[in-house]
Amino acid sequence: MRARTLHTDGEQRTVAIVLSTGEEAMACLKAFAERERVTAAQFTAIGAFDDVTLGYFDWTTKEYRRYAVDEQRPT
């Protein structure tokens, strides 16, 4: 994982984090957040995964919904 600060405005930073093939995304993001003492963040990402679990918080049921995706689908 490589990280580079692109912009700083007061306490807000924009950081580009580049993962290498085979690196586990969540483990890298957690390691970065711990190392940099990030307490709140917003992520925007582009890239590709071999397989991924997407998730969101369902306010109605107060539970996380997760969906495993192990293939790429054409649009």
C-alpha atoms as a PDB file:
ATOM      1  CA  MET A   1       0.000   0.000   0.000  1.00  0.00           C
ATOM      2  CA  ARG A   2       1.170   3.460  -0.879  1.00  0.00           C
ATOM      3  CA  ALA A   3      -0.418   6.670   0.392  1.00  0.00           C
ATOM      4  CA  ARG A   4       0.064  10.271  -0.667  1.00  0.00           C
ATOM      5  CA  THR A   5      -1.629  13.426   0.604  1.00  0.00           C
ATOM      6  CA  LEU A   6      -3.140  15.301  -2.335  1.00  0.00           C
ATOM      7  CA  HIS A   7      -4.722  18.252  -0.532  1.00  0.00           C
ATOM      8  CA  THR A   8      -5.014  19.684   2.973  1.00  0.00           C
ATOM      9  CA  ASP A   9      -7.603  22.252   4.108  1.00  0.00           C
ATOM     10  CA  GLY A  10      -7.471  22.871   7.839  1.00  0.00           C
ATOM     11  CA  GLU A  11      -7.940  19.472   9.475  1.00  0.00           C
ATOM     12  CA  GLN A  12      -9.365  17.872   6.325  1.00  0.00           C
ATOM     13  CA  ARG A  13      -7.068  15.925   4.044  1.00  0.00           C
ATOM     14  CA  THR A  14      -7.523  14.230   0.700  1.00  0.00           C
ATOM     15  CA  VAL A  15      -5.291  11.173   0.514  1.00  0.00           C
ATOM     16  CA  ALA A  16      -4.778   8.805  -2.425  1.00  0.00           C
ATOM     17  CA  ILE A  17      -4.223   5.241  -1.243  1.00  0.00           C
ATOM     18  CA  VAL A  18      -2.963   2.810  -3.876  1.00  0.00           C
ATOM     19  CA  LEU A  19      -3.112  -0.922  -3.210  1.00  0.00           C
ATOM     20  CA  SER A  20      -1.061  -3.512  -5.020  1.00  0.00           C
ATOM     21  CA  THR A  21      -2.570  -6.611  -6.600  1.00  0.00           C
ATOM     22  CA  GLY A  22      -3.397  -9.141  -3.900  1.00  0.00           C
ATOM     23  CA  GLU A  23      -3.560  -6.681  -0.994  1.00  0.00           C
ATOM     24  CA  GLU A  24      -6.694  -6.948   1.137  1.00  0.00           C
ATOM     25  CA  ALA A  25      -8.523  -3.608   0.932  1.00  0.00           C
ATOM     26  CA  MET A  26     -10.077  -3.443   4.411  1.00  0.00           C
ATOM     27  CA  ALA A  27      -6.876  -4.538   6.144  1.00  0.00           C
ATOM     28  CA  CYS A  28      -4.915  -1.818   4.313  1.00  0.00           C
ATOM     29  CA  LEU A  29      -7.502   0.879   5.045  1.00  0.00           C
ATOM     30  CA  LYS A  30      -7.653  -0.112   8.722  1.00  0.00           C
ATOM     31  CA  ALA A  31      -3.853  -0.064   8.975  1.00  0.00           C
ATOM     32  CA  PHE A  32      -3.742   3.386   7.355  1.00  0.00           C
ATOM     33  CA  ALA A  33      -6.487   4.719   9.668  1.00  0.00           C
ATOM     34  CA  GLU A  34      -4.688   3.399  12.767  1.00  0.00           C
ATOM     35  CA  ARG A  35      -1.288   4.701  11.678  1.00  0.00           C
ATOM     36  CA  GLU A  36      -2.671   8.153  10.798  1.00  0.00           C
ATOM     37  CA  ARG A  37      -5.102   8.242  13.757  1.00  0.00           C
ATOM     38  CA  VAL A  38      -8.119   8.753  11.505  1.00  0.00           C
ATOM     39  CA  THR A  39     -11.294   9.026  13.595  1.00  0.00           C
ATOM     40  CA  ALA A  40     -13.751   9.879  10.797  1.00  0.00           C
ATOM     41  CA  ALA A  41     -13.472   9.508   7.037  1.00  0.00           C
ATOM     42  CA  GLN A  42     -15.245   9.390   3.718  1.00  0.00           C
ATOM     43  CA  PHE A  43     -14.033   7.000   1.029  1.00  0.00           C
ATOM     44  CA  THR A  44     -14.338   7.192  -2.721  1.00  0.00           C
ATOM     45  CA  ALA A  45     -12.750   4.325  -4.615  1.00  0.00           C
ATOM     46  CA  ILE A  46     -12.071   3.018  -8.083  1.00  0.00           C
ATOM     47  CA  GLY A  47     -10.504  -0.275  -8.979  1.00  0.00           C
ATOM     48  CA  ALA A  48     -11.174  -3.959  -9.337  1.00  0.00           C
ATOM     49  CA  PHE A  49     -11.616  -6.908  -7.004  1.00  0.00           C
ATOM     50  CA  ASP A  50     -11.432 -10.656  -7.490  1.00  0.00           C
ATOM     51  CA  ASP A  51     -14.267 -10.959  -4.992  1.00  0.00           C
ATOM     52  CA  VAL A  52     -15.879  -8.492  -2.615  1.00  0.00           C
ATOM     53  CA  THR A  53     -18.579  -8.208   0.014  1.00  0.00           C
ATOM     54  CA  LEU A  54     -20.627  -5.050  -0.334  1.00  0.00           C
ATOM     55  CA  GLY A  55     -22.639  -3.803   2.579  1.00  0.00           C
ATOM     56  CA  TYR A  56     -24.785  -1.033   3.964  1.00  0.00           C
ATOM     57  CA  PHE A  57     -26.691  -0.235   7.146  1.00  0.00           C
ATOM     58  CA  ASP A  58     -30.456  -0.700   6.846  1.00  0.00           C
ATOM     59  CA  TRP A  59     -32.045   1.980   9.054  1.00  0.00           C
ATOM     60  CA  THR A  60     -35.422   0.204   9.051  1.00  0.00           C
ATOM     61  CA  THR A  61     -34.127  -3.063  10.510  1.00  0.00           C
ATOM     62  CA  LYS A  62     -31.085  -1.517  12.264  1.00  0.00           C
ATOM     63  CA  GLU A  63     -28.888  -4.240  10.755  1.00  0.00           C
ATOM     64  CA  TYR A  64     -26.031  -4.376   8.279  1.00  0.00           C
ATOM     65  CA  ARG A  65     -26.923  -5.970   4.945  1.00  0.00           C
ATOM     66  CA  ARG A  66     -24.072  -7.725   3.161  1.00  0.00           C
ATOM     67  CA  TYR A  67     -23.862  -9.116  -0.373  1.00  0.00           C
ATOM     68  CA  ALA A  68     -21.001 -11.294  -1.604  1.00  0.00           C
ATOM     69  CA  VAL A  69     -19.973 -10.688  -5.227  1.00  0.00           C
ATOM     70  CA  ASP A  70     -17.532 -13.164  -6.737  1.00  0.00           C
ATOM     71  CA  GLU A  71     -17.876 -12.311 -10.432  1.00  0.00           C
ATOM     72  CA  GLN A  72     -17.784  -9.297 -12.699  1.00  0.00           C
ATOM     73  CA  ARG A  73     -20.978  -8.574 -14.564  1.00  0.00           C
ATOM     74  CA  PRO A  74     -21.116  -6.701 -17.858  1.00  0.00           C
ATOM     75  CA  THR A  75     -23.206  -3.539 -17.877  1.00  0.00           C
END
